[in-house]
């Protein structure tokens, strides 16, 4: 399986404050074998390892330069899958390779849920879809404001919290997926705009 390395642009949530040493007794090659097997099961494509490293340490082909040092051991593994885009962050352990192994073991455990007839349509993975994509927000605050303007009364809602809230409510009525003509993608953008603007 081909992996592309990228710098972490934004960690989802807070970094772990008290990392620990792992009890894993596995070689790096074995960790990658396990991860490859689980990613193949998920029909993964476009696999990206985000690590705490500067762009200078990543070659043009997406591989790491020799001697690359990470600022912290956290890793985010993101990929497209049969269940949609998935993203798994881990910074529980003091070593980068142990955090990768933890993600591989978590994927293995999620797959084993199907052994008992639970999650036959991949439901065990859907909780991870709510994580922000690599790089955090999908729009800027200005883009969020412009998005809301499409549903506002004349005048900029940015200076008036009441107008912004009213624009959000109008948009909610039009875009909610359970309403007639609701649009799931646009509804997700609306929720992102709400979060960015603090409505």
C-alpha atoms as a PDB file:
ATOM      1  CA  UNK A   1       0.000   0.000   0.000  1.00  0.00           C
ATOM      2  CA  UNK A   2       1.341   3.439  -0.917  1.00  0.00           C
ATOM      3  CA  UNK A   3       1.278   6.091   1.794  1.00  0.00           C
ATOM      4  CA  UNK A   4       1.743   9.812   1.291  1.00  0.00           C
ATOM      5  CA  UNK A   5       3.103  11.827   4.204  1.00  0.00           C
ATOM      6  CA  UNK A   6       1.827  15.322   4.952  1.00  0.00           C
ATOM      7  CA  UNK A   7       2.364  17.754   7.827  1.00  0.00           C
ATOM      8  CA  UNK A   8      -0.420  17.971  10.402  1.00  0.00           C
ATOM      9  CA  UNK A   9      -2.181  21.257   9.712  1.00  0.00           C
ATOM     10  CA  UNK A  10      -4.609  21.076  12.633  1.00  0.00           C
ATOM     11  CA  UNK A  11      -5.021  18.408  15.289  1.00  0.00           C
ATOM     12  CA  UNK A  12      -8.678  17.445  15.856  1.00  0.00           C
ATOM     13  CA  UNK A  13      -9.297  18.452  19.469  1.00  0.00           C
ATOM     14  CA  UNK A  14      -6.539  18.652  22.072  1.00  0.00           C
ATOM     15  CA  UNK A  15      -3.258  16.795  21.999  1.00  0.00           C
ATOM     16  CA  UNK A  16      -2.763  14.186  24.723  1.00  0.00           C
ATOM     17  CA  UNK A  17      -1.206  15.741  27.829  1.00  0.00           C
ATOM     18  CA  UNK A  18       0.180  12.559  29.353  1.00  0.00           C
ATOM     19  CA  UNK A  19       1.366  10.130  26.714  1.00  0.00           C
ATOM     20  CA  UNK A  20       2.498   6.692  27.790  1.00  0.00           C
ATOM     21  CA  UNK A  21       4.852   4.005  26.599  1.00  0.00           C
ATOM     22  CA  UNK A  22       3.061   1.221  24.786  1.00  0.00           C
ATOM     23  CA  UNK A  23       3.222  -2.481  25.569  1.00  0.00           C
ATOM     24  CA  UNK A  24       3.360  -3.327  21.854  1.00  0.00           C
ATOM     25  CA  UNK A  25       6.135  -5.740  20.988  1.00  0.00           C
ATOM     26  CA  UNK A  26       6.036  -5.552  17.236  1.00  0.00           C
ATOM     27  CA  UNK A  27       8.413  -4.598  14.465  1.00  0.00           C
ATOM     28  CA  UNK A  28       7.537  -1.628  12.240  1.00  0.00           C
ATOM     29  CA  UNK A  29       7.238  -3.947   9.242  1.00  0.00           C
ATOM     30  CA  UNK A  30       4.622  -6.066  11.063  1.00  0.00           C
ATOM     31  CA  UNK A  31       2.673  -2.926  11.982  1.00  0.00           C
ATOM     32  CA  UNK A  32       2.590  -1.866   8.331  1.00  0.00           C
ATOM     33  CA  UNK A  33       1.513  -5.386   7.275  1.00  0.00           C
ATOM     34  CA  UNK A  34      -1.441  -5.242   9.696  1.00  0.00           C
ATOM     35  CA  UNK A  35      -2.368  -1.726   8.594  1.00  0.00           C
ATOM     36  CA  UNK A  36      -2.138  -2.724   4.908  1.00  0.00           C
ATOM     37  CA  UNK A  37      -4.432  -5.720   5.493  1.00  0.00           C
ATOM     38  CA  UNK A  38      -7.067  -3.605   7.257  1.00  0.00           C
ATOM     39  CA  UNK A  39      -6.890  -0.863   4.630  1.00  0.00           C
ATOM     40  CA  UNK A  40      -7.313  -3.434   1.843  1.00  0.00           C
ATOM     41  CA  UNK A  41     -10.383  -4.799   3.638  1.00  0.00           C
ATOM     42  CA  UNK A  42     -11.838  -1.275   3.653  1.00  0.00           C
ATOM     43  CA  UNK A  43     -10.911  -0.805  -0.042  1.00  0.00           C
ATOM     44  CA  UNK A  44      -8.864   2.196   1.063  1.00  0.00           C
ATOM     45  CA  UNK A  45      -7.511   4.651  -1.460  1.00  0.00           C
ATOM     46  CA  UNK A  46      -5.584   7.936  -1.172  1.00  0.00           C
ATOM     47  CA  UNK A  47      -4.019   6.969   2.167  1.00  0.00           C
ATOM     48  CA  UNK A  48      -2.378   9.936   3.900  1.00  0.00           C
ATOM     49  CA  UNK A  49      -0.220   9.870   7.042  1.00  0.00           C
ATOM     50  CA  UNK A  50      -0.297  13.276   8.688  1.00  0.00           C
ATOM     51  CA  UNK A  51       2.552  13.718  11.135  1.00  0.00           C
ATOM     52  CA  UNK A  52       4.022  16.612  13.113  1.00  0.00           C
ATOM     53  CA  UNK A  53       6.762  17.520  10.684  1.00  0.00           C
ATOM     54  CA  UNK A  54       7.585  20.484   8.482  1.00  0.00           C
ATOM     55  CA  UNK A  55       7.072  20.416   4.722  1.00  0.00           C
ATOM     56  CA  UNK A  56      10.874  20.564   4.285  1.00  0.00           C
ATOM     57  CA  UNK A  57      11.196  16.951   5.449  1.00  0.00           C
ATOM     58  CA  UNK A  58       8.765  15.581   2.837  1.00  0.00           C
ATOM     59  CA  UNK A  59      10.080  14.702  -0.614  1.00  0.00           C
ATOM     60  CA  UNK A  60       8.246  15.617  -3.817  1.00  0.00           C
ATOM     61  CA  UNK A  61       6.967  12.020  -4.079  1.00  0.00           C
ATOM     62  CA  UNK A  62       5.277  12.292  -0.650  1.00  0.00           C
ATOM     63  CA  UNK A  63       7.827  10.133   1.176  1.00  0.00           C
ATOM     64  CA  UNK A  64       9.876  11.210   4.198  1.00  0.00           C
ATOM     65  CA  UNK A  65      13.442  12.454   3.855  1.00  0.00           C
ATOM     66  CA  UNK A  66      16.076  10.564   5.906  1.00  0.00           C
ATOM     67  CA  UNK A  67      16.593  11.953   9.405  1.00  0.00           C
ATOM     68  CA  UNK A  68      13.158  13.555   9.616  1.00  0.00           C
ATOM     69  CA  UNK A  69      12.207  14.381  13.223  1.00  0.00           C
ATOM     70  CA  UNK A  70       8.647  14.909  14.409  1.00  0.00           C
ATOM     71  CA  UNK A  71       7.615  17.667  16.830  1.00  0.00           C
ATOM     72  CA  UNK A  72       5.355  15.175  18.643  1.00  0.00           C
ATOM     73  CA  UNK A  73       4.414  11.508  18.052  1.00  0.00           C
ATOM     74  CA  UNK A  74       0.793  12.113  17.064  1.00  0.00           C
ATOM     75  CA  UNK A  75      -0.396  10.748  13.727  1.00  0.00           C
ATOM     76  CA  UNK A  76      -3.580  11.037  11.678  1.00  0.00           C
ATOM     77  CA  UNK A  77      -4.274   8.358   9.080  1.00  0.00           C
ATOM     78  CA  UNK A  78      -6.917   9.448   6.554  1.00  0.00           C
ATOM     79  CA  UNK A  79      -8.222   7.652   3.503  1.00  0.00           C
ATOM     80  CA  UNK A  80     -11.152   7.145   1.178  1.00  0.00           C
ATOM     81  CA  UNK A  81     -12.951   3.856   1.856  1.00  0.00           C
ATOM     82  CA  UNK A  82     -15.926   1.756   0.871  1.00  0.00           C
ATOM     83  CA  UNK A  83     -17.756   3.604   3.690  1.00  0.00           C
ATOM     84  CA  UNK A  84     -16.699   7.087   2.634  1.00  0.00           C
ATOM     85  CA  UNK A  85     -13.764   9.222   3.833  1.00  0.00           C
ATOM     86  CA  UNK A  86     -12.371   8.147   7.216  1.00  0.00           C
ATOM     87  CA  UNK A  87      -9.804   9.754   9.491  1.00  0.00           C
ATOM     88  CA  UNK A  88      -8.145   8.235  12.575  1.00  0.00           C
ATOM     89  CA  UNK A  89      -5.965  10.372  14.877  1.00  0.00           C
ATOM     90  CA  UNK A  90      -3.847   8.917  17.699  1.00  0.00           C
ATOM     91  CA  UNK A  91      -1.275  10.484  20.009  1.00  0.00           C
ATOM     92  CA  UNK A  92      -1.741   8.236  23.040  1.00  0.00           C
ATOM     93  CA  UNK A  93       1.798   6.844  22.965  1.00  0.00           C
ATOM     94  CA  UNK A  94       5.249   8.412  23.131  1.00  0.00           C
ATOM     95  CA  UNK A  95       6.373   6.815  19.859  1.00  0.00           C
ATOM     96  CA  UNK A  96       5.010   7.594  16.377  1.00  0.00           C
ATOM     97  CA  UNK A  97       5.173   3.930  15.322  1.00  0.00           C
ATOM     98  CA  UNK A  98       3.172   2.847  18.385  1.00  0.00           C
ATOM     99  CA  UNK A  99       0.426   5.338  17.505  1.00  0.00           C
ATOM    100  CA  UNK A 100       0.295   3.898  13.974  1.00  0.00           C
ATOM    101  CA  UNK A 101       0.029   0.391  15.461  1.00  0.00           C
ATOM    102  CA  UNK A 102      -2.799   1.556  17.741  1.00  0.00           C
ATOM    103  CA  UNK A 103      -4.746   2.768  14.694  1.00  0.00           C
ATOM    104  CA  UNK A 104      -4.103  -0.521  12.854  1.00  0.00           C
ATOM    105  CA  UNK A 105      -5.331  -2.504  15.879  1.00  0.00           C
ATOM    106  CA  UNK A 106      -8.406  -0.269  16.183  1.00  0.00           C
ATOM    107  CA  UNK A 107      -9.260  -0.905  12.519  1.00  0.00           C
ATOM    108  CA  UNK A 108      -8.849  -4.641  13.112  1.00  0.00           C
ATOM    109  CA  UNK A 109     -11.165  -4.482  16.140  1.00  0.00           C
ATOM    110  CA  UNK A 110     -13.807  -2.550  14.182  1.00  0.00           C
ATOM    111  CA  UNK A 111     -13.689  -5.143  11.410  1.00  0.00           C
ATOM    112  CA  UNK A 112     -14.169  -7.949  13.947  1.00  0.00           C
ATOM    113  CA  UNK A 113     -17.501  -6.405  14.966  1.00  0.00           C
ATOM    114  CA  UNK A 114     -18.894  -7.983  11.783  1.00  0.00           C
ATOM    115  CA  UNK A 115     -18.032 -11.443  13.111  1.00  0.00           C
ATOM    116  CA  UNK A 116     -21.205 -11.371  15.213  1.00  0.00           C
ATOM    117  CA  UNK A 117     -23.462  -9.941  12.525  1.00  0.00           C
ATOM    118  CA  UNK A 118     -23.299  -6.385  13.873  1.00  0.00           C
ATOM    119  CA  UNK A 119     -22.283  -3.591  11.540  1.00  0.00           C
ATOM    120  CA  UNK A 120     -22.694  -5.582   8.342  1.00  0.00           C
ATOM    121  CA  UNK A 121     -23.072  -2.315   6.390  1.00  0.00           C
ATOM    122  CA  UNK A 122     -20.075  -0.669   8.057  1.00  0.00           C
ATOM    123  CA  UNK A 123     -22.059   1.135  10.766  1.00  0.00           C
ATOM    124  CA  UNK A 124     -19.124   0.747  13.164  1.00  0.00           C
ATOM    125  CA  UNK A 125     -17.156   3.212  11.033  1.00  0.00           C
ATOM    126  CA  UNK A 126     -19.773   5.951  10.718  1.00  0.00           C
ATOM    127  CA  UNK A 127     -18.857   7.655  13.982  1.00  0.00           C
ATOM    128  CA  UNK A 128     -15.445   8.472  12.542  1.00  0.00           C
ATOM    129  CA  UNK A 129     -16.974  10.293   9.595  1.00  0.00           C
ATOM    130  CA  UNK A 130     -17.843  13.187  11.887  1.00  0.00           C
ATOM    131  CA  UNK A 131     -14.171  14.006  12.457  1.00  0.00           C
ATOM    132  CA  UNK A 132     -12.985  17.034  10.578  1.00  0.00           C
ATOM    133  CA  UNK A 133     -11.081  16.263   7.388  1.00  0.00           C
ATOM    134  CA  UNK A 134      -7.310  16.660   7.282  1.00  0.00           C
ATOM    135  CA  UNK A 135      -6.485  20.313   7.753  1.00  0.00           C
ATOM    136  CA  UNK A 136      -9.524  20.963   9.982  1.00  0.00           C
ATOM    137  CA  UNK A 137     -12.281  23.253   8.725  1.00  0.00           C
ATOM    138  CA  UNK A 138     -13.583  22.840   5.183  1.00  0.00           C
ATOM    139  CA  UNK A 139     -14.222  26.586   4.819  1.00  0.00           C
ATOM    140  CA  UNK A 140     -12.867  29.826   6.179  1.00  0.00           C
ATOM    141  CA  UNK A 141     -14.842  32.181   8.411  1.00  0.00           C
ATOM    142  CA  UNK A 142     -15.312  34.548   5.441  1.00  0.00           C
ATOM    143  CA  UNK A 143     -16.604  31.696   3.270  1.00  0.00           C
ATOM    144  CA  UNK A 144     -18.990  30.720   6.080  1.00  0.00           C
ATOM    145  CA  UNK A 145     -20.285  34.298   6.164  1.00  0.00           C
ATOM    146  CA  UNK A 146     -20.799  34.341   2.382  1.00  0.00           C
ATOM    147  CA  UNK A 147     -22.604  31.012   2.583  1.00  0.00           C
ATOM    148  CA  UNK A 148     -25.021  32.407   5.191  1.00  0.00           C
ATOM    149  CA  UNK A 149     -25.545  35.585   3.169  1.00  0.00           C
ATOM    150  CA  UNK A 150     -27.316  33.478   0.534  1.00  0.00           C
ATOM    151  CA  UNK A 151     -30.108  32.890   3.068  1.00  0.00           C
ATOM    152  CA  UNK A 152     -30.198  36.294   4.783  1.00  0.00           C
ATOM    153  CA  UNK A 153     -32.446  39.297   4.410  1.00  0.00           C
ATOM    154  CA  UNK A 154     -30.772  42.235   2.643  1.00  0.00           C
ATOM    155  CA  UNK A 155     -27.793  43.405   4.689  1.00  0.00           C
ATOM    156  CA  UNK A 156     -24.691  41.704   6.016  1.00  0.00           C
ATOM    157  CA  UNK A 157     -25.448  39.341   8.942  1.00  0.00           C
ATOM    158  CA  UNK A 158     -21.845  39.490  10.165  1.00  0.00           C
ATOM    159  CA  UNK A 159     -22.303  42.588  12.281  1.00  0.00           C
ATOM    160  CA  UNK A 160     -25.571  41.518  13.856  1.00  0.00           C
ATOM    161  CA  UNK A 161     -25.857  38.200  15.749  1.00  0.00           C
ATOM    162  CA  UNK A 162     -29.659  38.251  15.447  1.00  0.00           C
ATOM    163  CA  UNK A 163     -29.492  38.549  11.648  1.00  0.00           C
ATOM    164  CA  UNK A 164     -26.897  35.776  11.446  1.00  0.00           C
ATOM    165  CA  UNK A 165     -29.105  33.524  13.578  1.00  0.00           C
ATOM    166  CA  UNK A 166     -32.146  34.349  11.443  1.00  0.00           C
ATOM    167  CA  UNK A 167     -30.169  33.533   8.263  1.00  0.00           C
ATOM    168  CA  UNK A 168     -29.048  30.246   9.828  1.00  0.00           C
ATOM    169  CA  UNK A 169     -32.654  29.310  10.708  1.00  0.00           C
ATOM    170  CA  UNK A 170     -33.877  30.095   7.185  1.00  0.00           C
ATOM    171  CA  UNK A 171     -31.066  27.980   5.735  1.00  0.00           C
ATOM    172  CA  UNK A 172     -31.840  25.169   8.178  1.00  0.00           C
ATOM    173  CA  UNK A 173     -35.452  25.105   6.978  1.00  0.00           C
ATOM    174  CA  UNK A 174     -34.354  24.799   3.346  1.00  0.00           C
ATOM    175  CA  UNK A 175     -31.367  22.471   3.637  1.00  0.00           C
ATOM    176  CA  UNK A 176     -32.234  19.945   6.342  1.00  0.00           C
ATOM    177  CA  UNK A 177     -31.990  16.461   4.763  1.00  0.00           C
ATOM    178  CA  UNK A 178     -35.318  15.380   6.275  1.00  0.00           C
ATOM    179  CA  UNK A 179     -37.176  18.253   4.624  1.00  0.00           C
ATOM    180  CA  UNK A 180     -38.481  18.244   1.061  1.00  0.00           C
ATOM    181  CA  UNK A 181     -35.598  19.017  -1.228  1.00  0.00           C
ATOM    182  CA  UNK A 182     -33.034  18.984   1.594  1.00  0.00           C
ATOM    183  CA  UNK A 183     -29.410  18.726   0.541  1.00  0.00           C
ATOM    184  CA  UNK A 184     -27.087  16.641   2.739  1.00  0.00           C
ATOM    185  CA  UNK A 185     -23.859  18.236   1.439  1.00  0.00           C
ATOM    186  CA  UNK A 186     -25.181  21.778   1.805  1.00  0.00           C
ATOM    187  CA  UNK A 187     -26.560  20.928   5.255  1.00  0.00           C
ATOM    188  CA  UNK A 188     -23.069  19.845   6.358  1.00  0.00           C
ATOM    189  CA  UNK A 189     -21.669  23.122   5.033  1.00  0.00           C
ATOM    190  CA  UNK A 190     -24.329  24.969   7.017  1.00  0.00           C
ATOM    191  CA  UNK A 191     -23.294  23.193  10.216  1.00  0.00           C
ATOM    192  CA  UNK A 192     -19.661  24.054   9.536  1.00  0.00           C
ATOM    193  CA  UNK A 193     -20.632  27.713   8.986  1.00  0.00           C
ATOM    194  CA  UNK A 194     -22.580  27.683  12.260  1.00  0.00           C
ATOM    195  CA  UNK A 195     -19.545  26.314  14.114  1.00  0.00           C
ATOM    196  CA  UNK A 196     -17.117  28.784  12.559  1.00  0.00           C
ATOM    197  CA  UNK A 197     -19.337  31.801  13.209  1.00  0.00           C
ATOM    198  CA  UNK A 198     -20.286  30.743  16.734  1.00  0.00           C
ATOM    199  CA  UNK A 199     -24.025  30.987  16.108  1.00  0.00           C
END
